[in-house]
Amino acid sequence: MSFIIGVSYDADIDKVKQLLTAIIESDDRILRDREMTVRLNELGASSVNFVVRVWSKSSDLQNVYWDVLERIKRDFDANGISFPYPQMDVHMVNQQEKAQ
């Protein structure tokens, strides 16, 4: 399974990688005989995106997915790592003032 986790640009990327690695290594349902990946994947428009790839038994897939996501949110909150949200600045120009 894969996760794309976006964090704010002011996040410490080494800390993010350390937390993500600790989270997946602590879940016994994640298979150790398959490669686990935690890498910086993209510098997005509003976030620094990491990819996390792990394997589990098919019977554990949904619960592992949901539990890992919940743990990521909890651990990132506890460590001051924020999840950005897209935003747009709008500048209003008064057409009457512009004409003068």
N, C-alpha and C. Protein backbone atom coordinates (compact mmCIF):
# COMPACT_ATOMS: atom_id res chain seq x y z
N MET A 1 0.85 -1.16 0.00
CA MET A 1 0.00 0.00 0.00
C MET A 1 0.89 1.22 0.00
N SER A 2 0.34 2.31 -0.52
CA SER A 2 1.09 3.56 -0.60
C SER A 2 0.32 4.68 0.07
N PHE A 3 1.06 5.57 0.68
CA PHE A 3 0.52 6.79 1.27
C PHE A 3 1.30 7.96 0.68
N ILE A 4 0.63 9.02 0.35
CA ILE A 4 1.30 10.28 0.04
C ILE A 4 0.96 11.21 1.19
N ILE A 5 1.98 11.65 1.90
CA ILE A 5 1.80 12.48 3.08
C ILE A 5 2.41 13.85 2.80
N GLY A 6 1.57 14.87 2.80
CA GLY A 6 2.03 16.23 2.55
C GLY A 6 2.20 16.99 3.85
N VAL A 7 3.35 17.65 3.99
CA VAL A 7 3.62 18.47 5.17
C VAL A 7 3.96 19.88 4.73
N SER A 8 3.92 20.81 5.67
CA SER A 8 4.21 22.20 5.33
C SER A 8 5.69 22.37 4.99
N TYR A 9 5.97 23.42 4.23
CA TYR A 9 7.33 23.69 3.81
C TYR A 9 8.28 24.00 4.96
N ASP A 10 7.76 24.41 6.10
CA ASP A 10 8.65 24.71 7.22
C ASP A 10 8.91 23.49 8.10
N ALA A 11 8.40 22.32 7.72
CA ALA A 11 8.62 21.09 8.48
C ALA A 11 10.07 20.62 8.32
N ASP A 12 10.60 20.03 9.37
CA ASP A 12 11.94 19.43 9.35
C ASP A 12 11.83 18.08 8.64
N ILE A 13 12.37 17.98 7.42
CA ILE A 13 12.16 16.76 6.64
C ILE A 13 12.83 15.54 7.27
N ASP A 14 13.93 15.74 7.98
CA ASP A 14 14.56 14.60 8.66
C ASP A 14 13.65 14.07 9.77
N LYS A 15 13.01 14.98 10.49
CA LYS A 15 12.07 14.58 11.55
C LYS A 15 10.86 13.87 10.95
N VAL A 16 10.36 14.37 9.83
CA VAL A 16 9.22 13.73 9.16
C VAL A 16 9.59 12.30 8.77
N LYS A 17 10.74 12.12 8.13
CA LYS A 17 11.17 10.78 7.73
C LYS A 17 11.35 9.86 8.93
N GLN A 18 11.91 10.40 10.02
CA GLN A 18 12.12 9.61 11.23
C GLN A 18 10.79 9.16 11.82
N LEU A 19 9.82 10.06 11.89
CA LEU A 19 8.51 9.71 12.43
C LEU A 19 7.80 8.68 11.55
N LEU A 20 7.80 8.90 10.24
CA LEU A 20 7.15 7.95 9.33
C LEU A 20 7.78 6.57 9.44
N THR A 21 9.10 6.52 9.48
CA THR A 21 9.80 5.24 9.60
C THR A 21 9.44 4.55 10.92
N ALA A 22 9.44 5.29 12.01
CA ALA A 22 9.10 4.72 13.31
C ALA A 22 7.67 4.18 13.33
N ILE A 23 6.76 4.90 12.69
CA ILE A 23 5.36 4.46 12.65
C ILE A 23 5.23 3.13 11.93
N ILE A 24 5.83 3.01 10.76
CA ILE A 24 5.66 1.76 10.00
C ILE A 24 6.46 0.61 10.62
N GLU A 25 7.59 0.92 11.23
CA GLU A 25 8.37 -0.15 11.87
C GLU A 25 7.71 -0.66 13.14
N SER A 26 6.84 0.13 13.74
CA SER A 26 6.19 -0.29 14.99
C SER A 26 4.94 -1.13 14.77
N ASP A 27 4.47 -1.23 13.54
CA ASP A 27 3.25 -1.99 13.25
C ASP A 27 3.64 -3.40 12.81
N ASP A 28 3.34 -4.38 13.65
CA ASP A 28 3.72 -5.77 13.38
C ASP A 28 2.99 -6.37 12.18
N ARG A 29 1.92 -5.75 11.74
CA ARG A 29 1.18 -6.27 10.58
C ARG A 29 1.85 -5.92 9.26
N ILE A 30 2.80 -5.00 9.30
CA ILE A 30 3.54 -4.63 8.09
C ILE A 30 4.64 -5.66 7.89
N LEU A 31 4.68 -6.22 6.69
CA LEU A 31 5.61 -7.31 6.40
C LEU A 31 7.04 -6.80 6.33
N ARG A 32 7.94 -7.51 7.00
CA ARG A 32 9.36 -7.12 7.05
C ARG A 32 10.18 -7.74 5.92
N ASP A 33 9.61 -8.74 5.26
CA ASP A 33 10.37 -9.38 4.19
C ASP A 33 10.21 -8.67 2.84
N ARG A 34 9.47 -7.58 2.84
CA ARG A 34 9.30 -6.74 1.64
C ARG A 34 9.89 -5.37 1.94
N GLU A 35 10.35 -4.70 0.90
CA GLU A 35 10.97 -3.39 1.09
C GLU A 35 9.96 -2.35 1.56
N MET A 36 10.35 -1.58 2.57
CA MET A 36 9.55 -0.45 3.03
C MET A 36 10.22 0.82 2.50
N THR A 37 9.41 1.75 2.02
CA THR A 37 9.94 2.98 1.44
C THR A 37 9.38 4.20 2.17
N VAL A 38 10.27 5.10 2.54
CA VAL A 38 9.89 6.42 3.06
C VAL A 38 10.82 7.41 2.37
N ARG A 39 10.27 8.16 1.42
CA ARG A 39 11.11 9.09 0.63
C ARG A 39 10.38 10.39 0.37
N LEU A 40 11.16 11.46 0.25
CA LEU A 40 10.60 12.72 -0.21
C LEU A 40 10.25 12.52 -1.68
N ASN A 41 9.00 12.76 -2.02
CA ASN A 41 8.49 12.42 -3.34
C ASN A 41 8.29 13.63 -4.25
N GLU A 42 7.92 14.77 -3.66
CA GLU A 42 7.57 15.92 -4.49
C GLU A 42 7.58 17.20 -3.67
N LEU A 43 8.01 18.28 -4.32
CA LEU A 43 7.86 19.62 -3.77
C LEU A 43 6.64 20.21 -4.46
N GLY A 44 5.49 20.09 -3.81
CA GLY A 44 4.22 20.49 -4.41
C GLY A 44 3.96 21.98 -4.27
N ALA A 45 2.83 22.40 -4.80
CA ALA A 45 2.45 23.81 -4.78
C ALA A 45 2.25 24.33 -3.36
N SER A 46 1.73 23.50 -2.47
CA SER A 46 1.50 23.96 -1.10
C SER A 46 2.01 22.99 -0.05
N SER A 47 2.73 21.94 -0.48
CA SER A 47 3.21 20.96 0.49
C SER A 47 4.46 20.25 0.00
N VAL A 48 5.22 19.73 0.95
CA VAL A 48 6.34 18.83 0.68
C VAL A 48 5.76 17.43 0.85
N ASN A 49 5.77 16.63 -0.21
CA ASN A 49 5.08 15.34 -0.20
C ASN A 49 6.05 14.17 -0.07
N PHE A 50 5.74 13.31 0.88
CA PHE A 50 6.51 12.09 1.10
C PHE A 50 5.69 10.90 0.62
N VAL A 51 6.37 9.90 0.10
CA VAL A 51 5.70 8.65 -0.24
C VAL A 51 6.13 7.60 0.79
N VAL A 52 5.16 6.84 1.25
CA VAL A 52 5.40 5.71 2.15
C VAL A 52 4.81 4.49 1.47
N ARG A 53 5.64 3.46 1.26
CA ARG A 53 5.16 2.22 0.64
C ARG A 53 5.52 1.05 1.55
N VAL A 54 4.49 0.28 1.88
CA VAL A 54 4.67 -0.88 2.74
C VAL A 54 3.78 -2.01 2.23
N TRP A 55 4.01 -3.19 2.77
CA TRP A 55 3.23 -4.37 2.40
C TRP A 55 2.63 -4.99 3.65
N SER A 56 1.45 -5.56 3.48
CA SER A 56 0.82 -6.32 4.57
C SER A 56 0.05 -7.48 3.94
N LYS A 57 -0.43 -8.36 4.78
CA LYS A 57 -1.30 -9.43 4.28
C LYS A 57 -2.59 -8.79 3.77
N SER A 58 -3.18 -9.40 2.77
CA SER A 58 -4.43 -8.87 2.21
C SER A 58 -5.51 -8.73 3.26
N SER A 59 -5.56 -9.66 4.19
CA SER A 59 -6.59 -9.62 5.23
C SER A 59 -6.40 -8.46 6.20
N ASP A 60 -5.19 -7.91 6.27
CA ASP A 60 -4.89 -6.79 7.18
C ASP A 60 -4.92 -5.43 6.48
N LEU A 61 -5.03 -5.44 5.17
CA LEU A 61 -4.80 -4.23 4.37
C LEU A 61 -5.59 -3.01 4.83
N GLN A 62 -6.90 -3.12 4.93
CA GLN A 62 -7.71 -1.95 5.29
C GLN A 62 -7.40 -1.44 6.69
N ASN A 63 -7.32 -2.34 7.65
CA ASN A 63 -7.05 -1.90 9.02
C ASN A 63 -5.66 -1.30 9.17
N VAL A 64 -4.68 -1.87 8.50
CA VAL A 64 -3.33 -1.28 8.54
C VAL A 64 -3.37 0.11 7.94
N TYR A 65 -4.02 0.26 6.80
CA TYR A 65 -4.10 1.56 6.13
C TYR A 65 -4.71 2.61 7.05
N TRP A 66 -5.86 2.32 7.62
CA TRP A 66 -6.56 3.27 8.49
C TRP A 66 -5.76 3.56 9.76
N ASP A 67 -5.19 2.51 10.36
CA ASP A 67 -4.44 2.69 11.60
C ASP A 67 -3.17 3.50 11.39
N VAL A 68 -2.47 3.25 10.29
CA VAL A 68 -1.25 4.00 10.00
C VAL A 68 -1.59 5.47 9.75
N LEU A 69 -2.64 5.74 8.99
CA LEU A 69 -3.04 7.14 8.78
C LEU A 69 -3.36 7.84 10.09
N GLU A 70 -4.10 7.17 10.96
CA GLU A 70 -4.45 7.77 12.25
C GLU A 70 -3.20 8.03 13.08
N ARG A 71 -2.28 7.09 13.07
CA ARG A 71 -1.04 7.24 13.84
C ARG A 71 -0.20 8.38 13.28
N ILE A 72 -0.15 8.52 11.97
CA ILE A 72 0.59 9.64 11.36
C ILE A 72 0.03 10.96 11.86
N LYS A 73 -1.28 11.10 11.81
CA LYS A 73 -1.91 12.35 12.26
C LYS A 73 -1.59 12.62 13.72
N ARG A 74 -1.75 11.63 14.56
CA ARG A 74 -1.50 11.81 16.00
C ARG A 74 -0.04 12.16 16.28
N ASP A 75 0.88 11.41 15.67
CA ASP A 75 2.31 11.64 15.93
C ASP A 75 2.79 12.97 15.36
N PHE A 76 2.29 13.34 14.19
CA PHE A 76 2.68 14.63 13.62
C PHE A 76 2.14 15.77 14.48
N ASP A 77 0.90 15.67 14.93
CA ASP A 77 0.34 16.69 15.82
C ASP A 77 1.19 16.83 17.09
N ALA A 78 1.57 15.70 17.67
CA ALA A 78 2.35 15.71 18.91
C ALA A 78 3.74 16.31 18.72
N ASN A 79 4.23 16.29 17.48
CA ASN A 79 5.57 16.80 17.19
C ASN A 79 5.56 18.13 16.44
N GLY A 80 4.40 18.76 16.37
CA GLY A 80 4.32 20.09 15.77
C GLY A 80 4.49 20.12 14.27
N ILE A 81 4.23 19.01 13.60
CA ILE A 81 4.32 18.96 12.14
C ILE A 81 2.92 19.14 11.59
N SER A 82 2.76 20.14 10.73
CA SER A 82 1.42 20.46 10.25
C SER A 82 1.20 19.99 8.83
N PHE A 83 -0.07 19.75 8.53
CA PHE A 83 -0.51 19.39 7.20
C PHE A 83 -1.05 20.65 6.54
N PRO A 84 -0.48 21.08 5.43
CA PRO A 84 -0.94 22.31 4.80
C PRO A 84 -2.26 22.10 4.07
N TYR A 85 -2.88 23.18 3.75
CA TYR A 85 -4.09 23.13 2.94
C TYR A 85 -3.93 24.17 1.84
N PRO A 86 -4.46 23.88 0.67
CA PRO A 86 -4.34 24.84 -0.43
C PRO A 86 -5.01 26.16 -0.06
N GLN A 87 -4.37 27.23 -0.42
CA GLN A 87 -4.97 28.54 -0.20
C GLN A 87 -4.60 29.45 -1.34
N MET A 88 -5.40 30.47 -1.52
CA MET A 88 -5.17 31.41 -2.60
C MET A 88 -5.38 32.82 -2.06
N ASP A 89 -4.46 33.71 -2.40
CA ASP A 89 -4.62 35.12 -2.06
C ASP A 89 -5.31 35.81 -3.22
N VAL A 90 -6.34 36.58 -2.91
CA VAL A 90 -7.08 37.32 -3.94
C VAL A 90 -6.89 38.80 -3.67
N HIS A 91 -6.42 39.52 -4.67
CA HIS A 91 -6.22 40.97 -4.55
C HIS A 91 -7.30 41.65 -5.39
N MET A 92 -8.09 42.48 -4.74
CA MET A 92 -9.18 43.18 -5.41
C MET A 92 -8.67 44.53 -5.92
N VAL A 93 -8.95 44.82 -7.16
CA VAL A 93 -8.57 46.09 -7.76
C VAL A 93 -9.84 46.87 -8.05
N ASN A 94 -9.90 48.08 -7.54
CA ASN A 94 -11.05 48.94 -7.80
C ASN A 94 -10.88 49.53 -9.19
N GLN A 95 -11.76 49.16 -10.11
CA GLN A 95 -11.64 49.59 -11.50
C GLN A 95 -11.76 51.11 -11.65
N GLN A 96 -12.54 51.78 -10.80
CA GLN A 96 -12.68 53.24 -10.89
C GLN A 96 -11.37 53.93 -10.53
N GLU A 97 -10.71 53.46 -9.48
CA GLU A 97 -9.43 54.05 -9.10
C GLU A 97 -8.38 53.80 -10.16
N LYS A 98 -8.43 52.64 -10.79
CA LYS A 98 -7.46 52.28 -11.82
C LYS A 98 -7.62 53.18 -13.04
N ALA A 99 -8.84 53.58 -13.38
CA ALA A 99 -9.11 54.42 -14.56
C ALA A 99 -8.62 55.85 -14.35
N GLN A 100 -8.54 56.30 -13.13
CA GLN A 100 -8.14 57.69 -12.86
C GLN A 100 -6.69 57.86 -12.91
